[in-house]
Amino acid sequence: MQTFLNAALTALTPGGLLFLSTQPAMLENRCLFEAKLSPLQLEKTWPHLNRYPYPESMLEDVLFHLARFDFDPEPTAAIFHTPCLFADFYLYRNG
């Protein structure tokens, strides 16, 4: 996410718009994410705009990848008890 934000913010012109879909609660470093976006003005948020079915068959694969990044399994446990993952949609303006 940080690489994407760096590229997007570098390319964003004054008055330009950034459309972003993510779930901040699931980011590895939410504080850094919010700090990167702090120069921009949040115009609008659409909570849970994007909904992705979460097939149980992916559970082992997801756990493997989370372990590689030293994710604490407790906060992510709630993910596995829901049939869908959600992402919020954000509209930011530069200046």
PDB file of N, CA and C in Angstrom:
ATOM      1  N   MET A   1       0.834  -1.194   0.000  1.00  0.00           N
ATOM      2  CA  MET A   1       0.000   0.000   0.000  1.00  0.00           C
ATOM      3  C   MET A   1       0.877   1.256   0.000  1.00  0.00           C
ATOM      4  N   GLN A   2       1.987   1.226   0.745  1.00  0.00           N
ATOM      5  CA  GLN A   2       2.846   2.412   0.821  1.00  0.00           C
ATOM      6  C   GLN A   2       3.449   2.747  -0.536  1.00  0.00           C
ATOM      7  N   THR A   3       3.846   1.733  -1.292  1.00  0.00           N
ATOM      8  CA  THR A   3       4.409   1.971  -2.629  1.00  0.00           C
ATOM      9  C   THR A   3       3.363   2.602  -3.536  1.00  0.00           C
ATOM     10  N   PHE A   4       2.138   2.095  -3.476  1.00  0.00           N
ATOM     11  CA  PHE A   4       1.056   2.666  -4.276  1.00  0.00           C
ATOM     12  C   PHE A   4       0.809   4.117  -3.894  1.00  0.00           C
ATOM     13  N   LEU A   5       0.722   4.397  -2.587  1.00  0.00           N
ATOM     14  CA  LEU A   5       0.460   5.768  -2.142  1.00  0.00           C
ATOM     15  C   LEU A   5       1.579   6.712  -2.546  1.00  0.00           C
ATOM     16  N   ASN A   6       2.824   6.269  -2.437  1.00  0.00           N
ATOM     17  CA  ASN A   6       3.947   7.120  -2.855  1.00  0.00           C
ATOM     18  C   ASN A   6       3.821   7.491  -4.327  1.00  0.00           C
ATOM     19  N   ALA A   7       3.532   6.507  -5.173  1.00  0.00           N
ATOM     20  CA  ALA A   7       3.399   6.759  -6.610  1.00  0.00           C
ATOM     21  C   ALA A   7       2.200   7.657  -6.899  1.00  0.00           C
ATOM     22  N   ALA A   8       1.075   7.376  -6.253  1.00  0.00           N
ATOM     23  CA  ALA A   8      -0.142   8.160  -6.493  1.00  0.00           C
ATOM     24  C   ALA A   8       0.037   9.602  -6.052  1.00  0.00           C
ATOM     25  N   LEU A   9       0.641   9.823  -4.902  1.00  0.00           N
ATOM     26  CA  LEU A   9       0.819  11.187  -4.399  1.00  0.00           C
ATOM     27  C   LEU A   9       1.824  11.969  -5.232  1.00  0.00           C
ATOM     28  N   THR A  10       2.824  11.282  -5.776  1.00  0.00           N
ATOM     29  CA  THR A  10       3.793  11.938  -6.657  1.00  0.00           C
ATOM     30  C   THR A  10       3.124  12.387  -7.953  1.00  0.00           C
ATOM     31  N   ALA A  11       2.208  11.583  -8.460  1.00  0.00           N
ATOM     32  CA  ALA A  11       1.544  11.882  -9.732  1.00  0.00           C
ATOM     33  C   ALA A  11       0.358  12.838  -9.581  1.00  0.00           C
ATOM     34  N   LEU A  12      -0.150  13.016  -8.373  1.00  0.00           N
ATOM     35  CA  LEU A  12      -1.353  13.810  -8.151  1.00  0.00           C
ATOM     36  C   LEU A  12      -1.065  15.300  -8.319  1.00  0.00           C
ATOM     37  N   THR A  13      -1.783  15.920  -9.206  1.00  0.00           N
ATOM     38  CA  THR A  13      -1.603  17.351  -9.458  1.00  0.00           C
ATOM     39  C   THR A  13      -2.448  18.174  -8.487  1.00  0.00           C
ATOM     40  N   PRO A  14      -2.133  19.465  -8.304  1.00  0.00           N
ATOM     41  CA  PRO A  14      -2.972  20.303  -7.443  1.00  0.00           C
ATOM     42  C   PRO A  14      -4.423  20.280  -7.927  1.00  0.00           C
ATOM     43  N   GLY A  15      -5.339  20.065  -7.021  1.00  0.00           N
ATOM     44  CA  GLY A  15      -6.752  19.964  -7.371  1.00  0.00           C
ATOM     45  C   GLY A  15      -7.150  18.590  -7.867  1.00  0.00           C
ATOM     46  N   GLY A  16      -6.165  17.700  -8.028  1.00  0.00           N
ATOM     47  CA  GLY A  16      -6.433  16.355  -8.531  1.00  0.00           C
ATOM     48  C   GLY A  16      -7.163  15.495  -7.523  1.00  0.00           C
ATOM     49  N   LEU A  17      -7.774  14.432  -8.030  1.00  0.00           N
ATOM     50  CA  LEU A  17      -8.561  13.526  -7.199  1.00  0.00           C
ATOM     51  C   LEU A  17      -7.861  12.180  -7.070  1.00  0.00           C
ATOM     52  N   LEU A  18      -7.975  11.599  -5.890  1.00  0.00           N
ATOM     53  CA  LEU A  18      -7.468  10.251  -5.643  1.00  0.00           C
ATOM     54  C   LEU A  18      -8.640   9.398  -5.180  1.00  0.00           C
ATOM     55  N   PHE A  19      -8.926   8.357  -5.924  1.00  0.00           N
ATOM     56  CA  PHE A  19      -9.953   7.390  -5.555  1.00  0.00           C
ATOM     57  C   PHE A  19      -9.238   6.184  -4.976  1.00  0.00           C
ATOM     58  N   LEU A  20      -9.661   5.769  -3.797  1.00  0.00           N
ATOM     59  CA  LEU A  20      -8.943   4.717  -3.092  1.00  0.00           C
ATOM     60  C   LEU A  20      -9.934   3.753  -2.444  1.00  0.00           C
ATOM     61  N   SER A  21      -9.693   2.470  -2.646  1.00  0.00           N
ATOM     62  CA  SER A  21     -10.524   1.450  -2.027  1.00  0.00           C
ATOM     63  C   SER A  21      -9.640   0.599  -1.127  1.00  0.00           C
ATOM     64  N   THR A  22      -9.946   0.579   0.163  1.00  0.00           N
ATOM     65  CA  THR A  22      -9.180  -0.214   1.116  1.00  0.00           C
ATOM     66  C   THR A  22      -9.977  -0.366   2.399  1.00  0.00           C
ATOM     67  N   GLN A  23      -9.484  -1.167   3.280  1.00  0.00           N
ATOM     68  CA  GLN A  23     -10.062  -1.300   4.616  1.00  0.00           C
ATOM     69  C   GLN A  23      -8.956  -0.929   5.607  1.00  0.00           C
ATOM     70  N   PRO A  24      -8.933   0.337   6.062  1.00  0.00           N
ATOM     71  CA  PRO A  24      -7.850   0.802   6.925  1.00  0.00           C
ATOM     72  C   PRO A  24      -7.614  -0.048   8.160  1.00  0.00           C
ATOM     73  N   ALA A  25      -8.654  -0.652   8.704  1.00  0.00           N
ATOM     74  CA  ALA A  25      -8.480  -1.479   9.898  1.00  0.00           C
ATOM     75  C   ALA A  25      -7.608  -2.700   9.625  1.00  0.00           C
ATOM     76  N   MET A  26      -7.477  -3.086   8.360  1.00  0.00           N
ATOM     77  CA  MET A  26      -6.694  -4.268   8.019  1.00  0.00           C
ATOM     78  C   MET A  26      -5.293  -3.931   7.531  1.00  0.00           C
ATOM     79  N   LEU A  27      -4.941  -2.656   7.476  1.00  0.00           N
ATOM     80  CA  LEU A  27      -3.617  -2.276   7.008  1.00  0.00           C
ATOM     81  C   LEU A  27      -2.558  -2.623   8.037  1.00  0.00           C
ATOM     82  N   GLU A  28      -1.381  -2.956   7.548  1.00  0.00           N
ATOM     83  CA  GLU A  28      -0.286  -3.313   8.450  1.00  0.00           C
ATOM     84  C   GLU A  28       0.129  -2.129   9.309  1.00  0.00           C
ATOM     85  N   ASN A  29       0.132  -0.922   8.723  1.00  0.00           N
ATOM     86  CA  ASN A  29       0.534   0.268   9.473  1.00  0.00           C
ATOM     87  C   ASN A  29      -0.458   1.385   9.176  1.00  0.00           C
ATOM     88  N   ARG A  30      -1.550   1.400   9.901  1.00  0.00           N
ATOM     89  CA  ARG A  30      -2.619   2.370   9.673  1.00  0.00           C
ATOM     90  C   ARG A  30      -2.160   3.807   9.915  1.00  0.00           C
ATOM     91  N   CYS A  31      -1.312   4.021  10.917  1.00  0.00           N
ATOM     92  CA  CYS A  31      -0.825   5.379  11.218  1.00  0.00           C
ATOM     93  C   CYS A  31      -0.030   5.943  10.048  1.00  0.00           C
ATOM     94  N   LEU A  32       0.827   5.125   9.450  1.00  0.00           N
ATOM     95  CA  LEU A  32       1.606   5.574   8.298  1.00  0.00           C
ATOM     96  C   LEU A  32       0.691   5.857   7.109  1.00  0.00           C
ATOM     97  N   PHE A  33      -0.307   5.017   6.909  1.00  0.00           N
ATOM     98  CA  PHE A  33      -1.285   5.204   5.841  1.00  0.00           C
ATOM     99  C   PHE A  33      -1.989   6.551   6.003  1.00  0.00           C
ATOM    100  N   GLU A  34      -2.473   6.841   7.209  1.00  0.00           N
ATOM    101  CA  GLU A  34      -3.179   8.100   7.464  1.00  0.00           C
ATOM    102  C   GLU A  34      -2.248   9.298   7.354  1.00  0.00           C
ATOM    103  N   ALA A  35      -1.000   9.148   7.772  1.00  0.00           N
ATOM    104  CA  ALA A  35      -0.026  10.240   7.667  1.00  0.00           C
ATOM    105  C   ALA A  35       0.250  10.575   6.202  1.00  0.00           C
ATOM    106  N   LYS A  36       0.347   9.553   5.360  1.00  0.00           N
ATOM    107  CA  LYS A  36       0.583   9.785   3.926  1.00  0.00           C
ATOM    108  C   LYS A  36      -0.566  10.570   3.297  1.00  0.00           C
ATOM    109  N   LEU A  37      -1.785  10.298   3.734  1.00  0.00           N
ATOM    110  CA  LEU A  37      -2.956  10.946   3.149  1.00  0.00           C
ATOM    111  C   LEU A  37      -3.296  12.280   3.810  1.00  0.00           C
ATOM    112  N   SER A  38      -2.638  12.617   4.900  1.00  0.00           N
ATOM    113  CA  SER A  38      -2.994  13.827   5.660  1.00  0.00           C
ATOM    114  C   SER A  38      -2.888  15.137   4.865  1.00  0.00           C
ATOM    115  N   PRO A  39      -2.008  15.260   3.868  1.00  0.00           N
ATOM    116  CA  PRO A  39      -1.996  16.511   3.090  1.00  0.00           C
ATOM    117  C   PRO A  39      -3.229  16.679   2.195  1.00  0.00           C
ATOM    118  N   LEU A  40      -3.968  15.604   1.972  1.00  0.00           N
ATOM    119  CA  LEU A  40      -5.132  15.655   1.096  1.00  0.00           C
ATOM    120  C   LEU A  40      -6.398  15.917   1.898  1.00  0.00           C
ATOM    121  N   GLN A  41      -7.412  16.408   1.205  1.00  0.00           N
ATOM    122  CA  GLN A  41      -8.711  16.642   1.830  1.00  0.00           C
ATOM    123  C   GLN A  41      -9.628  15.470   1.501  1.00  0.00           C
ATOM    124  N   LEU A  42     -10.166  14.840   2.545  1.00  0.00           N
ATOM    125  CA  LEU A  42     -11.117  13.745   2.330  1.00  0.00           C
ATOM    126  C   LEU A  42     -12.454  14.352   1.915  1.00  0.00           C
ATOM    127  N   GLU A  43     -12.880  14.058   0.694  1.00  0.00           N
ATOM    128  CA  GLU A  43     -14.126  14.606   0.157  1.00  0.00           C
ATOM    129  C   GLU A  43     -15.335  13.750   0.531  1.00  0.00           C
ATOM    130  N   LYS A  44     -15.175  12.421   0.421  1.00  0.00           N
ATOM    131  CA  LYS A  44     -16.327  11.537   0.657  1.00  0.00           C
ATOM    132  C   LYS A  44     -15.825  10.126   0.958  1.00  0.00           C
ATOM    133  N   THR A  45     -16.592   9.421   1.781  1.00  0.00           N
ATOM    134  CA  THR A  45     -16.317   8.020   2.093  1.00  0.00           C
ATOM    135  C   THR A  45     -17.579   7.211   1.845  1.00  0.00           C
ATOM    136  N   TRP A  46     -17.407   6.072   1.215  1.00  0.00           N
ATOM    137  CA  TRP A  46     -18.494   5.125   1.016  1.00  0.00           C
ATOM    138  C   TRP A  46     -18.122   3.855   1.777  1.00  0.00           C
ATOM    139  N   PRO A  47     -18.595   3.714   3.027  1.00  0.00           N
ATOM    140  CA  PRO A  47     -18.246   2.514   3.799  1.00  0.00           C
ATOM    141  C   PRO A  47     -18.811   1.250   3.151  1.00  0.00           C
ATOM    142  N   HIS A  48     -18.003   0.209   3.169  1.00  0.00           N
ATOM    143  CA  HIS A  48     -18.379  -1.116   2.667  1.00  0.00           C
ATOM    144  C   HIS A  48     -18.922  -1.074   1.239  1.00  0.00           C
ATOM    145  N   LEU A  49     -18.387  -0.188   0.420  1.00  0.00           N
ATOM    146  CA  LEU A  49     -18.857  -0.117  -0.966  1.00  0.00           C
ATOM    147  C   LEU A  49     -18.487  -1.388  -1.731  1.00  0.00           C
ATOM    148  N   ASN A  50     -17.291  -1.881  -1.479  1.00  0.00           N
ATOM    149  CA  ASN A  50     -16.837  -3.087  -2.164  1.00  0.00           C
ATOM    150  C   ASN A  50     -16.980  -4.284  -1.240  1.00  0.00           C
ATOM    151  N   ARG A  51     -17.586  -5.319  -1.757  1.00  0.00           N
ATOM    152  CA  ARG A  51     -17.804  -6.540  -0.970  1.00  0.00           C
ATOM    153  C   ARG A  51     -17.230  -7.711  -1.754  1.00  0.00           C
ATOM    154  N   TYR A  52     -16.359  -8.470  -1.082  1.00  0.00           N
ATOM    155  CA  TYR A  52     -15.697  -9.588  -1.731  1.00  0.00           C
ATOM    156  C   TYR A  52     -16.042 -10.881  -1.004  1.00  0.00           C
ATOM    157  N   PRO A  53     -16.603 -11.857  -1.699  1.00  0.00           N
ATOM    158  CA  PRO A  53     -16.876 -13.151  -1.050  1.00  0.00           C
ATOM    159  C   PRO A  53     -15.571 -13.754  -0.543  1.00  0.00           C
ATOM    160  N   TYR A  54     -15.621 -14.328   0.621  1.00  0.00           N
ATOM    161  CA  TYR A  54     -14.438 -14.924   1.228  1.00  0.00           C
ATOM    162  C   TYR A  54     -14.629 -16.435   1.307  1.00  0.00           C
ATOM    163  N   PRO A  55     -14.094 -17.165   0.334  1.00  0.00           N
ATOM    164  CA  PRO A  55     -14.275 -18.616   0.350  1.00  0.00           C
ATOM    165  C   PRO A  55     -13.396 -19.264   1.424  1.00  0.00           C
ATOM    166  N   GLU A  56     -13.971 -20.165   2.184  1.00  0.00           N
ATOM    167  CA  GLU A  56     -13.222 -20.852   3.229  1.00  0.00           C
ATOM    168  C   GLU A  56     -12.041 -21.635   2.678  1.00  0.00           C
ATOM    169  N   SER A  57     -12.087 -21.999   1.416  1.00  0.00           N
ATOM    170  CA  SER A  57     -10.989 -22.756   0.817  1.00  0.00           C
ATOM    171  C   SER A  57      -9.689 -21.948   0.787  1.00  0.00           C
ATOM    172  N   MET A  58      -9.781 -20.637   0.959  1.00  0.00           N
ATOM    173  CA  MET A  58      -8.589 -19.777   0.946  1.00  0.00           C
ATOM    174  C   MET A  58      -7.958 -19.633   2.328  1.00  0.00           C
ATOM    175  N   LEU A  59      -8.575 -20.153   3.346  1.00  0.00           N
ATOM    176  CA  LEU A  59      -8.138 -19.929   4.720  1.00  0.00           C
ATOM    177  C   LEU A  59      -6.678 -20.305   4.950  1.00  0.00           C
ATOM    178  N   GLU A  60      -6.265 -21.500   4.568  1.00  0.00           N
ATOM    179  CA  GLU A  60      -4.884 -21.924   4.810  1.00  0.00           C
ATOM    180  C   GLU A  60      -3.893 -21.043   4.080  1.00  0.00           C
ATOM    181  N   ASP A  61      -4.200 -20.693   2.847  1.00  0.00           N
ATOM    182  CA  ASP A  61      -3.310 -19.845   2.060  1.00  0.00           C
ATOM    183  C   ASP A  61      -3.167 -18.467   2.698  1.00  0.00           C
ATOM    184  N   VAL A  62      -4.273 -17.891   3.128  1.00  0.00           N
ATOM    185  CA  VAL A  62      -4.243 -16.568   3.757  1.00  0.00           C
ATOM    186  C   VAL A  62      -3.450 -16.609   5.059  1.00  0.00           C
ATOM    187  N   LEU A  63      -3.673 -17.616   5.886  1.00  0.00           N
ATOM    188  CA  LEU A  63      -2.936 -17.743   7.141  1.00  0.00           C
ATOM    189  C   LEU A  63      -1.442 -17.869   6.898  1.00  0.00           C
ATOM    190  N   PHE A  64      -1.065 -18.617   5.863  1.00  0.00           N
ATOM    191  CA  PHE A  64       0.345 -18.769   5.518  1.00  0.00           C
ATOM    192  C   PHE A  64       0.962 -17.419   5.180  1.00  0.00           C
ATOM    193  N   HIS A  65       0.280 -16.644   4.349  1.00  0.00           N
ATOM    194  CA  HIS A  65       0.817 -15.341   3.940  1.00  0.00           C
ATOM    195  C   HIS A  65       0.833 -14.343   5.093  1.00  0.00           C
ATOM    196  N   LEU A  66      -0.161 -14.379   5.941  1.00  0.00           N
ATOM    197  CA  LEU A  66      -0.174 -13.484   7.100  1.00  0.00           C
ATOM    198  C   LEU A  66       0.978 -13.812   8.043  1.00  0.00           C
ATOM    199  N   ALA A  67       1.258 -15.092   8.224  1.00  0.00           N
ATOM    200  CA  ALA A  67       2.361 -15.505   9.099  1.00  0.00           C
ATOM    201  C   ALA A  67       3.701 -15.000   8.565  1.00  0.00           C
ATOM    202  N   ARG A  68       3.854 -14.967   7.254  1.00  0.00           N
ATOM    203  CA  ARG A  68       5.106 -14.473   6.652  1.00  0.00           C
ATOM    204  C   ARG A  68       5.359 -13.021   7.016  1.00  0.00           C
ATOM    205  N   PHE A  69       4.301 -12.261   7.237  1.00  0.00           N
ATOM    206  CA  PHE A  69       4.437 -10.841   7.562  1.00  0.00           C
ATOM    207  C   PHE A  69       4.287 -10.573   9.056  1.00  0.00           C
ATOM    208  N   ASP A  70       4.375 -11.625   9.868  1.00  0.00           N
ATOM    209  CA  ASP A  70       4.286 -11.509  11.331  1.00  0.00           C
ATOM    210  C   ASP A  70       2.997 -10.852  11.811  1.00  0.00           C
ATOM    211  N   PHE A  71       1.892 -11.109  11.124  1.00  0.00           N
ATOM    212  CA  PHE A  71       0.600 -10.605  11.571  1.00  0.00           C
ATOM    213  C   PHE A  71       0.181 -11.350  12.830  1.00  0.00           C
ATOM    214  N   ASP A  72      -0.368 -10.632  13.761  1.00  0.00           N
ATOM    215  CA  ASP A  72      -0.940 -11.246  14.949  1.00  0.00           C
ATOM    216  C   ASP A  72      -2.240 -11.925  14.525  1.00  0.00           C
ATOM    217  N   PRO A  73      -2.391 -13.220  14.754  1.00  0.00           N
ATOM    218  CA  PRO A  73      -3.603 -13.904  14.274  1.00  0.00           C
ATOM    219  C   PRO A  73      -4.887 -13.459  14.974  1.00  0.00           C
ATOM    220  N   GLU A  74      -4.794 -12.915  16.175  1.00  0.00           N
ATOM    221  CA  GLU A  74      -6.013 -12.561  16.900  1.00  0.00           C
ATOM    222  C   GLU A  74      -6.837 -11.487  16.189  1.00  0.00           C
ATOM    223  N   PRO A  75      -6.234 -10.347  15.771  1.00  0.00           N
ATOM    224  CA  PRO A  75      -7.061  -9.334  15.090  1.00  0.00           C
ATOM    225  C   PRO A  75      -7.637  -9.826  13.764  1.00  0.00           C
ATOM    226  N   THR A  76      -6.935 -10.725  13.118  1.00  0.00           N
ATOM    227  CA  THR A  76      -7.425 -11.209  11.830  1.00  0.00           C
ATOM    228  C   THR A  76      -8.415 -12.355  11.987  1.00  0.00           C
ATOM    229  N   ALA A  77      -8.581 -12.879  13.188  1.00  0.00           N
ATOM    230  CA  ALA A  77      -9.493 -14.008  13.396  1.00  0.00           C
ATOM    231  C   ALA A  77     -10.919 -13.652  13.014  1.00  0.00           C
ATOM    232  N   ALA A  78     -11.326 -12.415  13.259  1.00  0.00           N
ATOM    233  CA  ALA A  78     -12.695 -12.005  12.932  1.00  0.00           C
ATOM    234  C   ALA A  78     -12.968 -12.103  11.442  1.00  0.00           C
ATOM    235  N   ILE A  79     -11.939 -11.938  10.651  1.00  0.00           N
ATOM    236  CA  ILE A  79     -12.088 -12.020   9.193  1.00  0.00           C
ATOM    237  C   ILE A  79     -12.637 -13.387   8.795  1.00  0.00           C
ATOM    238  N   PHE A  80     -12.153 -14.419   9.459  1.00  0.00           N
ATOM    239  CA  PHE A  80     -12.498 -15.770   9.064  1.00  0.00           C
ATOM    240  C   PHE A  80     -13.875 -16.203   9.531  1.00  0.00           C
ATOM    241  N   HIS A  81     -14.532 -15.367  10.291  1.00  0.00           N
ATOM    242  CA  HIS A  81     -15.883 -15.691  10.755  1.00  0.00           C
ATOM    243  C   HIS A  81     -16.959 -14.940   9.968  1.00  0.00           C
ATOM    244  N   THR A  82     -16.554 -14.261   8.924  1.00  0.00           N
ATOM    245  CA  THR A  82     -17.512 -13.546   8.092  1.00  0.00           C
ATOM    246  C   THR A  82     -17.482 -14.134   6.686  1.00  0.00           C
ATOM    247  N   PRO A  83     -18.604 -14.164   5.997  1.00  0.00           N
ATOM    248  CA  PRO A  83     -18.618 -14.734   4.647  1.00  0.00           C
ATOM    249  C   PRO A  83     -18.044 -13.797   3.591  1.00  0.00           C
ATOM    250  N   CYS A  84     -17.846 -12.524   3.950  1.00  0.00           N
ATOM    251  CA  CYS A  84     -17.361 -11.546   2.972  1.00  0.00           C
ATOM    252  C   CYS A  84     -16.333 -10.626   3.607  1.00  0.00           C
ATOM    253  N   LEU A  85     -15.470 -10.108   2.779  1.00  0.00           N
ATOM    254  CA  LEU A  85     -14.571  -9.041   3.174  1.00  0.00           C
ATOM    255  C   LEU A  85     -15.125  -7.751   2.586  1.00  0.00           C
ATOM    256  N   PHE A  86     -14.922  -6.653   3.272  1.00  0.00           N
ATOM    257  CA  PHE A  86     -15.431  -5.380   2.806  1.00  0.00           C
ATOM    258  C   PHE A  86     -14.287  -4.389   2.654  1.00  0.00           C
ATOM    259  N   ALA A  87     -14.416  -3.498   1.709  1.00  0.00           N
ATOM    260  CA  ALA A  87     -13.473  -2.401   1.556  1.00  0.00           C
ATOM    261  C   ALA A  87     -14.280  -1.117   1.453  1.00  0.00           C
ATOM    262  N   ASP A  88     -13.751  -0.084   2.062  1.00  0.00           N
ATOM    263  CA  ASP A  88     -14.379   1.231   1.974  1.00  0.00           C
ATOM    264  C   ASP A  88     -13.806   1.955   0.762  1.00  0.00           C
ATOM    265  N   PHE A  89     -14.571   2.859   0.204  1.00  0.00           N
ATOM    266  CA  PHE A  89     -14.136   3.634  -0.956  1.00  0.00           C
ATOM    267  C   PHE A  89     -14.007   5.085  -0.523  1.00  0.00           C
ATOM    268  N   TYR A  90     -12.880   5.705  -0.864  1.00  0.00           N
ATOM    269  CA  TYR A  90     -12.583   7.069  -0.440  1.00  0.00           C
ATOM    270  C   TYR A  90     -12.313   7.962  -1.649  1.00  0.00           C
ATOM    271  N   LEU A  91     -12.707   9.212  -1.522  1.00  0.00           N
ATOM    272  CA  LEU A  91     -12.388  10.212  -2.521  1.00  0.00           C
ATOM    273  C   LEU A  91     -11.621  11.324  -1.814  1.00  0.00           C
ATOM    274  N   TYR A  92     -10.370  11.527  -2.232  1.00  0.00           N
ATOM    275  CA  TYR A  92      -9.524  12.583  -1.681  1.00  0.00           C
ATOM    276  C   TYR A  92      -9.237  13.614  -2.757  1.00  0.00           C
ATOM    277  N   ARG A  93      -9.058  14.875  -2.313  1.00  0.00           N
ATOM    278  CA  ARG A  93      -8.692  15.966  -3.223  1.00  0.00           C
ATOM    279  C   ARG A  93      -7.360  16.556  -2.774  1.00  0.00           C
ATOM    280  N   ASN A  94      -6.531  16.848  -3.731  1.00  0.00           N
ATOM    281  CA  ASN A  94      -5.235  17.467  -3.456  1.00  0.00           C
ATOM    282  C   ASN A  94      -5.398  18.984  -3.503  1.00  0.00           C
ATOM    283  N   GLY A  95      -5.450  19.592  -2.326  1.00  0.00           N
ATOM    284  CA  GLY A  95      -5.524  21.051  -2.255  1.00  0.00           C
ATOM    285  C   GLY A  95      -6.846  21.647  -2.376  1.00  0.00           C
TER     286      GLY A  95
END
